Every structure is written in C-alpha cells, then in structure tokens.
C-alpha cells in the first residue's frame, strides 16, 4: 500500500514538473528570441564582442525564465492545478 502511495505521489510530482516545463519553456524561448532580435536590431549585440558568447547568453535567458516561472509556481501553488489540466 505504501509503495502505491509513493508511486502516486511521485507521478503527481512528475506531472506537475512536466506541466510547469511545458508552460514555461516555449515562453522562455520566445522571450529569448525577442531579446536577441532586439539586440540585433539595435546593434547592441555587437557590444558583446565575441559571437561565441551568444550561446551562454541564450542558455542563461532560457534557464532564467524557466526558474522564474518555477519559483512563481512554488510561491502560488494553487495555480499549479491549471498546469496539469
């Protein structure tokens, strides 16, 4: 009985994390695309210096947006029910 409850709890947590990631990753990719488009349009991107630094910049924006939405989810757990529906 305890194994079944532990598996149900684990699958519930996995579903919540999956829901958070499915909701936050596309938004973070979109915000990264907007950020880089603005940077190219305003020629701000050339102040970075080396093009090889764009990869960590892109990754940092994506990870930051995912973590931001995850923290927002943890601070307001009632909204998590909307993610699994």
PDB file of N, CA and C in Angstrom:
ATOM      1  N   UNK A   1       0.818  -1.195   0.000  1.00  0.00           N
ATOM      2  CA  UNK A   1       0.000   0.000   0.000  1.00  0.00           C
ATOM      3  C   UNK A   1       0.865   1.264   0.000  1.00  0.00           C
ATOM      4  N   UNK A   2       1.932   1.241   0.809  1.00  0.00           N
ATOM      5  CA  UNK A   2       2.811   2.404   0.869  1.00  0.00           C
ATOM      6  C   UNK A   2       3.540   2.613  -0.451  1.00  0.00           C
ATOM      7  N   UNK A   3       3.869   1.503  -1.135  1.00  0.00           N
ATOM      8  CA  UNK A   3       4.535   1.626  -2.437  1.00  0.00           C
ATOM      9  C   UNK A   3       3.624   2.306  -3.443  1.00  0.00           C
ATOM     10  N   UNK A   4       2.361   1.931  -3.431  1.00  0.00           N
ATOM     11  CA  UNK A   4       1.399   2.520  -4.364  1.00  0.00           C
ATOM     12  C   UNK A   4       1.253   4.010  -4.088  1.00  0.00           C
ATOM     13  N   UNK A   5       1.165   4.383  -2.814  1.00  0.00           N
ATOM     14  CA  UNK A   5       1.040   5.800  -2.475  1.00  0.00           C
ATOM     15  C   UNK A   5       2.290   6.575  -2.867  1.00  0.00           C
ATOM     16  N   UNK A   6       3.457   5.973  -2.662  1.00  0.00           N
ATOM     17  CA  UNK A   6       4.706   6.639  -3.039  1.00  0.00           C
ATOM     18  C   UNK A   6       4.783   6.813  -4.545  1.00  0.00           C
ATOM     19  N   UNK A   7       4.351   5.798  -5.300  1.00  0.00           N
ATOM     20  CA  UNK A   7       4.367   5.914  -6.765  1.00  0.00           C
ATOM     21  C   UNK A   7       3.373   6.960  -7.233  1.00  0.00           C
ATOM     22  N   UNK A   8       2.198   7.021  -6.606  1.00  0.00           N
ATOM     23  CA  UNK A   8       1.213   8.035  -6.977  1.00  0.00           C
ATOM     24  C   UNK A   8       1.729   9.433  -6.676  1.00  0.00           C
ATOM     25  N   UNK A   9       2.372   9.612  -5.522  1.00  0.00           N
ATOM     26  CA  UNK A   9       2.944  10.918  -5.187  1.00  0.00           C
ATOM     27  C   UNK A   9       4.037  11.298  -6.163  1.00  0.00           C
ATOM     28  N   UNK A  10       4.888  10.323  -6.508  1.00  0.00           N
ATOM     29  CA  UNK A  10       5.981  10.597  -7.440  1.00  0.00           C
ATOM     30  C   UNK A  10       5.433  10.955  -8.815  1.00  0.00           C
ATOM     31  N   UNK A  11       4.418  10.208  -9.277  1.00  0.00           N
ATOM     32  CA  UNK A  11       3.868  10.511 -10.596  1.00  0.00           C
ATOM     33  C   UNK A  11       3.151  11.853 -10.586  1.00  0.00           C
ATOM     34  N   UNK A  12       2.545  12.224  -9.457  1.00  0.00           N
ATOM     35  CA  UNK A  12       1.908  13.532  -9.364  1.00  0.00           C
ATOM     36  C   UNK A  12       2.921  14.657  -9.433  1.00  0.00           C
ATOM     37  N   UNK A  13       4.045  14.483  -8.754  1.00  0.00           N
ATOM     38  CA  UNK A  13       5.109  15.492  -8.791  1.00  0.00           C
ATOM     39  C   UNK A  13       5.687  15.587 -10.191  1.00  0.00           C
ATOM     40  N   UNK A  14       5.885  14.434 -10.832  1.00  0.00           N
ATOM     41  CA  UNK A  14       6.421  14.429 -12.194  1.00  0.00           C
ATOM     42  C   UNK A  14       5.463  15.137 -13.137  1.00  0.00           C
ATOM     43  N   UNK A  15       4.166  14.909 -12.979  1.00  0.00           N
ATOM     44  CA  UNK A  15       3.188  15.578 -13.838  1.00  0.00           C
ATOM     45  C   UNK A  15       3.187  17.085 -13.619  1.00  0.00           C
ATOM     46  N   UNK A  16       3.342  17.517 -12.378  1.00  0.00           N
ATOM     47  CA  UNK A  16       3.376  18.954 -12.098  1.00  0.00           C
ATOM     48  C   UNK A  16       4.620  19.583 -12.711  1.00  0.00           C
ATOM     49  N   UNK A  17       5.780  18.932 -12.535  1.00  0.00           N
ATOM     50  CA  UNK A  17       7.019  19.466 -13.110  1.00  0.00           C
ATOM     51  C   UNK A  17       6.929  19.483 -14.626  1.00  0.00           C
ATOM     52  N   UNK A  18       6.367  18.424 -15.200  1.00  0.00           N
ATOM     53  CA  UNK A  18       6.202  18.378 -16.655  1.00  0.00           C
ATOM     54  C   UNK A  18       5.289  19.507 -17.124  1.00  0.00           C
ATOM     55  N   UNK A  19       4.213  19.765 -16.373  1.00  0.00           N
ATOM     56  CA  UNK A  19       3.308  20.850 -16.732  1.00  0.00           C
ATOM     57  C   UNK A  19       3.977  22.209 -16.658  1.00  0.00           C
ATOM     58  N   UNK A  20       4.783  22.423 -15.619  1.00  0.00           N
ATOM     59  CA  UNK A  20       5.495  23.694 -15.479  1.00  0.00           C
ATOM     60  C   UNK A  20       6.463  23.884 -16.634  1.00  0.00           C
ATOM     61  N   UNK A  21       7.215  22.834 -16.962  1.00  0.00           N
ATOM     62  CA  UNK A  21       8.184  22.952 -18.053  1.00  0.00           C
ATOM     63  C   UNK A  21       7.503  23.155 -19.394  1.00  0.00           C
ATOM     64  N   UNK A  22       6.382  22.463 -19.629  1.00  0.00           N
ATOM     65  CA  UNK A  22       5.678  22.627 -20.898  1.00  0.00           C
ATOM     66  C   UNK A  22       5.098  24.025 -21.049  1.00  0.00           C
ATOM     67  N   UNK A  23       4.770  24.652 -19.927  1.00  0.00           N
ATOM     68  CA  UNK A  23       4.236  26.012 -19.997  1.00  0.00           C
ATOM     69  C   UNK A  23       5.333  27.067 -20.050  1.00  0.00           C
ATOM     70  N   UNK A  24       6.479  26.813 -19.433  1.00  0.00           N
ATOM     71  CA  UNK A  24       7.484  27.867 -19.305  1.00  0.00           C
ATOM     72  C   UNK A  24       8.542  27.843 -20.398  1.00  0.00           C
ATOM     73  N   UNK A  25       8.896  26.673 -20.920  1.00  0.00           N
ATOM     74  CA  UNK A  25       9.973  26.611 -21.912  1.00  0.00           C
ATOM     75  C   UNK A  25       9.602  27.331 -23.204  1.00  0.00           C
ATOM     76  N   UNK A  26       8.398  27.123 -23.788  1.00  0.00           N
ATOM     77  CA  UNK A  26       8.078  27.892 -25.003  1.00  0.00           C
ATOM     78  C   UNK A  26       8.095  29.402 -24.774  1.00  0.00           C
ATOM     79  N   UNK A  27       7.610  29.838 -23.626  1.00  0.00           N
ATOM     80  CA  UNK A  27       7.641  31.266 -23.325  1.00  0.00           C
ATOM     81  C   UNK A  27       9.047  31.799 -23.179  1.00  0.00           C
ATOM     82  N   UNK A  28       9.909  30.999 -22.579  1.00  0.00           N
ATOM     83  CA  UNK A  28      11.293  31.452 -22.417  1.00  0.00           C
ATOM     84  C   UNK A  28      12.017  31.476 -23.754  1.00  0.00           C
ATOM     85  N   UNK A  29      11.722  30.518 -24.620  1.00  0.00           N
ATOM     86  CA  UNK A  29      12.321  30.552 -25.960  1.00  0.00           C
ATOM     87  C   UNK A  29      11.838  31.770 -26.739  1.00  0.00           C
ATOM     88  N   UNK A  30      10.556  32.091 -26.599  1.00  0.00           N
ATOM     89  CA  UNK A  30      10.015  33.265 -27.276  1.00  0.00           C
ATOM     90  C   UNK A  30      10.646  34.545 -26.738  1.00  0.00           C
ATOM     91  N   UNK A  31      10.783  34.641 -25.415  1.00  0.00           N
ATOM     92  CA  UNK A  31      11.396  35.847 -24.849  1.00  0.00           C
ATOM     93  C   UNK A  31      12.858  35.958 -25.248  1.00  0.00           C
ATOM     94  N   UNK A  32      13.549  34.825 -25.364  1.00  0.00           N
ATOM     95  CA  UNK A  32      14.939  34.850 -25.819  1.00  0.00           C
ATOM     96  C   UNK A  32      15.023  35.311 -27.260  1.00  0.00           C
ATOM     97  N   UNK A  33      14.110  34.832 -28.092  1.00  0.00           N
ATOM     98  CA  UNK A  33      14.096  35.259 -29.491  1.00  0.00           C
ATOM     99  C   UNK A  33      13.829  36.756 -29.594  1.00  0.00           C
ATOM    100  N   UNK A  34      12.908  37.260 -28.781  1.00  0.00           N
ATOM    101  CA  UNK A  34      12.642  38.702 -28.786  1.00  0.00           C
ATOM    102  C   UNK A  34      13.854  39.495 -28.323  1.00  0.00           C
ATOM    103  N   UNK A  35      14.509  39.007 -27.276  1.00  0.00           N
ATOM    104  CA  UNK A  35      15.684  39.692 -26.753  1.00  0.00           C
ATOM    105  C   UNK A  35      16.796  39.750 -27.794  1.00  0.00           C
ATOM    106  N   UNK A  36      17.073  38.620 -28.437  1.00  0.00           N
ATOM    107  CA  UNK A  36      18.145  38.598 -29.435  1.00  0.00           C
ATOM    108  C   UNK A  36      17.773  39.399 -30.678  1.00  0.00           C
ATOM    109  N   UNK A  37      16.486  39.374 -31.071  1.00  0.00           N
ATOM    110  CA  UNK A  37      16.056  40.184 -32.218  1.00  0.00           C
ATOM    111  C   UNK A  37      16.223  41.667 -31.928  1.00  0.00           C
ATOM    112  N   UNK A  38      15.844  42.078 -30.725  1.00  0.00           N
ATOM    113  CA  UNK A  38      16.021  43.478 -30.344  1.00  0.00           C
ATOM    114  C   UNK A  38      17.500  43.848 -30.304  1.00  0.00           C
ATOM    115  N   UNK A  39      18.308  42.935 -29.787  1.00  0.00           N
ATOM    116  CA  UNK A  39      19.741  43.216 -29.691  1.00  0.00           C
ATOM    117  C   UNK A  39      20.369  43.361 -31.072  1.00  0.00           C
ATOM    118  N   UNK A  40      19.957  42.510 -32.014  1.00  0.00           N
ATOM    119  CA  UNK A  40      20.480  42.645 -33.373  1.00  0.00           C
ATOM    120  C   UNK A  40      19.962  43.913 -34.041  1.00  0.00           C
ATOM    121  N   UNK A  41      18.685  44.217 -33.846  1.00  0.00           N
ATOM    122  CA  UNK A  41      18.103  45.391 -34.493  1.00  0.00           C
ATOM    123  C   UNK A  41      18.721  46.685 -33.974  1.00  0.00           C
ATOM    124  N   UNK A  42      19.032  46.732 -32.704  1.00  0.00           N
ATOM    125  CA  UNK A  42      19.601  47.950 -32.137  1.00  0.00           C
ATOM    126  C   UNK A  42      21.128  47.954 -32.157  1.00  0.00           C
ATOM    127  N   UNK A  43      21.716  46.939 -32.749  1.00  0.00           N
ATOM    128  CA  UNK A  43      23.162  46.757 -32.846  1.00  0.00           C
ATOM    129  C   UNK A  43      23.819  46.687 -31.471  1.00  0.00           C
ATOM    130  N   UNK A  44      23.034  46.343 -30.470  1.00  0.00           N
ATOM    131  CA  UNK A  44      23.555  46.165 -29.127  1.00  0.00           C
ATOM    132  C   UNK A  44      24.346  44.866 -29.014  1.00  0.00           C
ATOM    133  N   UNK A  45      24.025  43.914 -29.882  1.00  0.00           N
ATOM    134  CA  UNK A  45      24.663  42.601 -29.811  1.00  0.00           C
ATOM    135  C   UNK A  45      26.156  42.697 -30.116  1.00  0.00           C
ATOM    136  N   UNK A  46      26.549  43.705 -30.853  1.00  0.00           N
ATOM    137  CA  UNK A  46      27.960  43.827 -31.218  1.00  0.00           C
ATOM    138  C   UNK A  46      28.819  44.311 -30.052  1.00  0.00           C
ATOM    139  N   UNK A  47      28.184  44.792 -28.987  1.00  0.00           N
ATOM    140  CA  UNK A  47      28.964  45.195 -27.816  1.00  0.00           C
ATOM    141  C   UNK A  47      29.414  43.997 -26.984  1.00  0.00           C
ATOM    142  N   UNK A  48      28.849  42.824 -27.265  1.00  0.00           N
ATOM    143  CA  UNK A  48      29.275  41.617 -26.544  1.00  0.00           C
ATOM    144  C   UNK A  48      30.712  41.294 -26.903  1.00  0.00           C
ATOM    145  N   UNK A  49      31.060  41.450 -28.153  1.00  0.00           N
ATOM    146  CA  UNK A  49      32.443  41.240 -28.566  1.00  0.00           C
ATOM    147  C   UNK A  49      32.632  39.978 -29.365  1.00  0.00           C
ATOM    148  N   UNK A  50      32.362  38.846 -28.789  1.00  0.00           N
ATOM    149  CA  UNK A  50      32.617  37.572 -29.448  1.00  0.00           C
ATOM    150  C   UNK A  50      31.295  36.850 -29.663  1.00  0.00           C
ATOM    151  N   UNK A  51      31.110  36.325 -30.861  1.00  0.00           N
ATOM    152  CA  UNK A  51      29.863  35.642 -31.188  1.00  0.00           C
ATOM    153  C   UNK A  51      29.715  34.359 -30.372  1.00  0.00           C
ATOM    154  N   UNK A  52      30.813  33.778 -29.928  1.00  0.00           N
ATOM    155  CA  UNK A  52      30.737  32.545 -29.134  1.00  0.00           C
ATOM    156  C   UNK A  52      30.082  32.778 -27.786  1.00  0.00           C
ATOM    157  N   UNK A  53      29.924  34.020 -27.395  1.00  0.00           N
ATOM    158  CA  UNK A  53      29.273  34.321 -26.123  1.00  0.00           C
ATOM    159  C   UNK A  53      27.753  34.347 -26.236  1.00  0.00           C
ATOM    160  N   UNK A  54      27.227  34.196 -27.444  1.00  0.00           N
ATOM    161  CA  UNK A  54      25.777  34.204 -27.604  1.00  0.00           C
ATOM    162  C   UNK A  54      25.140  32.928 -27.071  1.00  0.00           C
ATOM    163  N   UNK A  55      25.849  31.806 -27.161  1.00  0.00           N
ATOM    164  CA  UNK A  55      25.319  30.541 -26.647  1.00  0.00           C
ATOM    165  C   UNK A  55      25.025  30.600 -25.162  1.00  0.00           C
ATOM    166  N   UNK A  56      25.995  31.002 -24.339  1.00  0.00           N
ATOM    167  CA  UNK A  56      25.700  31.131 -22.908  1.00  0.00           C
ATOM    168  C   UNK A  56      24.634  32.185 -22.604  1.00  0.00           C
ATOM    169  N   UNK A  57      24.580  33.239 -23.400  1.00  0.00           N
ATOM    170  CA  UNK A  57      23.543  34.250 -23.206  1.00  0.00           C
ATOM    171  C   UNK A  57      22.167  33.646 -23.454  1.00  0.00           C
ATOM    172  N   UNK A  58      22.033  32.928 -24.557  1.00  0.00           N
ATOM    173  CA  UNK A  58      20.775  32.272 -24.903  1.00  0.00           C
ATOM    174  C   UNK A  58      20.375  31.283 -23.810  1.00  0.00           C
ATOM    175  N   UNK A  59      21.315  30.452 -23.385  1.00  0.00           N
ATOM    176  CA  UNK A  59      21.042  29.454 -22.351  1.00  0.00           C
ATOM    177  C   UNK A  59      20.676  30.119 -21.029  1.00  0.00           C
ATOM    178  N   UNK A  60      21.349  31.198 -20.703  1.00  0.00           N
ATOM    179  CA  UNK A  60      21.048  31.901 -19.463  1.00  0.00           C
ATOM    180  C   UNK A  60      19.652  32.486 -19.440  1.00  0.00           C
ATOM    181  N   UNK A  61      19.205  33.027 -20.561  1.00  0.00           N
ATOM    182  CA  UNK A  61      17.855  33.589 -20.617  1.00  0.00           C
ATOM    183  C   UNK A  61      16.814  32.479 -20.500  1.00  0.00           C
ATOM    184  N   UNK A  62      17.043  31.361 -21.188  1.00  0.00           N
ATOM    185  CA  UNK A  62      16.089  30.249 -21.129  1.00  0.00           C
ATOM    186  C   UNK A  62      16.016  29.678 -19.712  1.00  0.00           C
ATOM    187  N   UNK A  63      17.166  29.402 -19.116  1.00  0.00           N
ATOM    188  CA  UNK A  63      17.180  28.831 -17.762  1.00  0.00           C
ATOM    189  C   UNK A  63      16.595  29.825 -16.763  1.00  0.00           C
ATOM    190  N   UNK A  64      16.914  31.096 -16.924  1.00  0.00           N
ATOM    191  CA  UNK A  64      16.361  32.104 -16.023  1.00  0.00           C
ATOM    192  C   UNK A  64      14.848  32.197 -16.112  1.00  0.00           C
ATOM    193  N   UNK A  65      14.306  32.137 -17.315  1.00  0.00           N
ATOM    194  CA  UNK A  65      12.850  32.202 -17.469  1.00  0.00           C
ATOM    195  C   UNK A  65      12.170  30.965 -16.893  1.00  0.00           C
ATOM    196  N   UNK A  66      12.782  29.799 -17.085  1.00  0.00           N
ATOM    197  CA  UNK A  66      12.211  28.568 -16.521  1.00  0.00           C
ATOM    198  C   UNK A  66      12.248  28.618 -14.999  1.00  0.00           C
ATOM    199  N   UNK A  67      13.367  29.039 -14.430  1.00  0.00           N
ATOM    200  CA  UNK A  67      13.462  29.128 -12.970  1.00  0.00           C
ATOM    201  C   UNK A  67      12.504  30.176 -12.409  1.00  0.00           C
ATOM    202  N   UNK A  68      12.336  31.281 -13.121  1.00  0.00           N
ATOM    203  CA  UNK A  68      11.416  32.323 -12.682  1.00  0.00           C
ATOM    204  C   UNK A  68       9.988  31.787 -12.625  1.00  0.00           C
ATOM    205  N   UNK A  69       9.578  31.052 -13.654  1.00  0.00           N
ATOM    206  CA  UNK A  69       8.221  30.518 -13.644  1.00  0.00           C
ATOM    207  C   UNK A  69       8.073  29.404 -12.620  1.00  0.00           C
ATOM    208  N   UNK A  70       9.128  28.625 -12.377  1.00  0.00           N
ATOM    209  CA  UNK A  70       9.068  27.573 -11.368  1.00  0.00           C
ATOM    210  C   UNK A  70       8.947  28.172  -9.968  1.00  0.00           C
ATOM    211  N   UNK A  71       9.684  29.228  -9.685  1.00  0.00           N
ATOM    212  CA  UNK A  71       9.575  29.889  -8.382  1.00  0.00           C
ATOM    213  C   UNK A  71       8.197  30.518  -8.227  1.00  0.00           C
ATOM    214  N   UNK A  72       7.691  31.105  -9.291  1.00  0.00           N
ATOM    215  CA  UNK A  72       6.338  31.649  -9.238  1.00  0.00           C
ATOM    216  C   UNK A  72       5.303  30.580  -8.961  1.00  0.00           C
ATOM    217  N   UNK A  73       5.515  29.400  -9.531  1.00  0.00           N
ATOM    218  CA  UNK A  73       4.608  28.284  -9.272  1.00  0.00           C
ATOM    219  C   UNK A  73       4.701  27.835  -7.817  1.00  0.00           C
ATOM    220  N   UNK A  74       5.905  27.779  -7.281  1.00  0.00           N
ATOM    221  CA  UNK A  74       6.074  27.323  -5.904  1.00  0.00           C
ATOM    222  C   UNK A  74       5.520  28.323  -4.900  1.00  0.00           C
ATOM    223  N   UNK A  75       5.567  29.607  -5.225  1.00  0.00           N
ATOM    224  CA  UNK A  75       5.036  30.616  -4.314  1.00  0.00           C
ATOM    225  C   UNK A  75       3.513  30.669  -4.341  1.00  0.00           C
ATOM    226  N   UNK A  76       2.913  30.278  -5.461  1.00  0.00           N
ATOM    227  CA  UNK A  76       1.456  30.257  -5.596  1.00  0.00           C
ATOM    228  C   UNK A  76       1.034  28.862  -6.042  1.00  0.00           C
ATOM    229  N   UNK A  77       1.020  27.887  -5.142  1.00  0.00           N
ATOM    230  CA  UNK A  77       0.768  26.504  -5.552  1.00  0.00           C
ATOM    231  C   UNK A  77      -0.642  26.247  -6.060  1.00  0.00           C
ATOM    232  N   UNK A  78      -1.599  27.130  -5.786  1.00  0.00           N
ATOM    233  CA  UNK A  78      -2.951  26.878  -6.281  1.00  0.00           C
ATOM    234  C   UNK A  78      -3.028  27.029  -7.790  1.00  0.00           C
ATOM    235  N   UNK A  79      -2.131  27.814  -8.385  1.00  0.00           N
ATOM    236  CA  UNK A  79      -2.125  27.955  -9.830  1.00  0.00           C
ATOM    237  C   UNK A  79      -1.574  26.711 -10.516  1.00  0.00           C
ATOM    238  N   UNK A  80      -0.919  25.848  -9.770  1.00  0.00           N
ATOM    239  CA  UNK A  80      -0.375  24.623 -10.344  1.00  0.00           C
ATOM    240  C   UNK A  80      -1.457  23.700 -10.857  1.00  0.00           C
ATOM    241  N   UNK A  81      -2.657  23.825 -10.308  1.00  0.00           N
ATOM    242  CA  UNK A  81      -3.747  22.984 -10.781  1.00  0.00           C
ATOM    243  C   UNK A  81      -4.102  23.309 -12.221  1.00  0.00           C
ATOM    244  N   UNK A  82      -3.892  24.539 -12.631  1.00  0.00           N
ATOM    245  CA  UNK A  82      -4.173  24.920 -14.009  1.00  0.00           C
ATOM    246  C   UNK A  82      -3.182  24.300 -14.979  1.00  0.00           C
ATOM    247  N   UNK A  83      -1.968  24.032 -14.518  1.00  0.00           N
ATOM    248  CA  UNK A  83      -0.940  23.495 -15.400  1.00  0.00           C
ATOM    249  C   UNK A  83      -1.177  22.038 -15.745  1.00  0.00           C
ATOM    250  N   UNK A  84      -1.802  21.289 -14.847  1.00  0.00           N
ATOM    251  CA  UNK A  84      -1.998  19.862 -15.089  1.00  0.00           C
ATOM    252  C   UNK A  84      -3.309  19.581 -15.791  1.00  0.00           C
ATOM    253  N   UNK A  85      -4.164  20.575 -15.952  1.00  0.00           N
ATOM    254  CA  UNK A  85      -5.461  20.348 -16.595  1.00  0.00           C
ATOM    255  C   UNK A  85      -5.320  20.233 -18.090  1.00  0.00           C
TER     256      UNK A  85
END
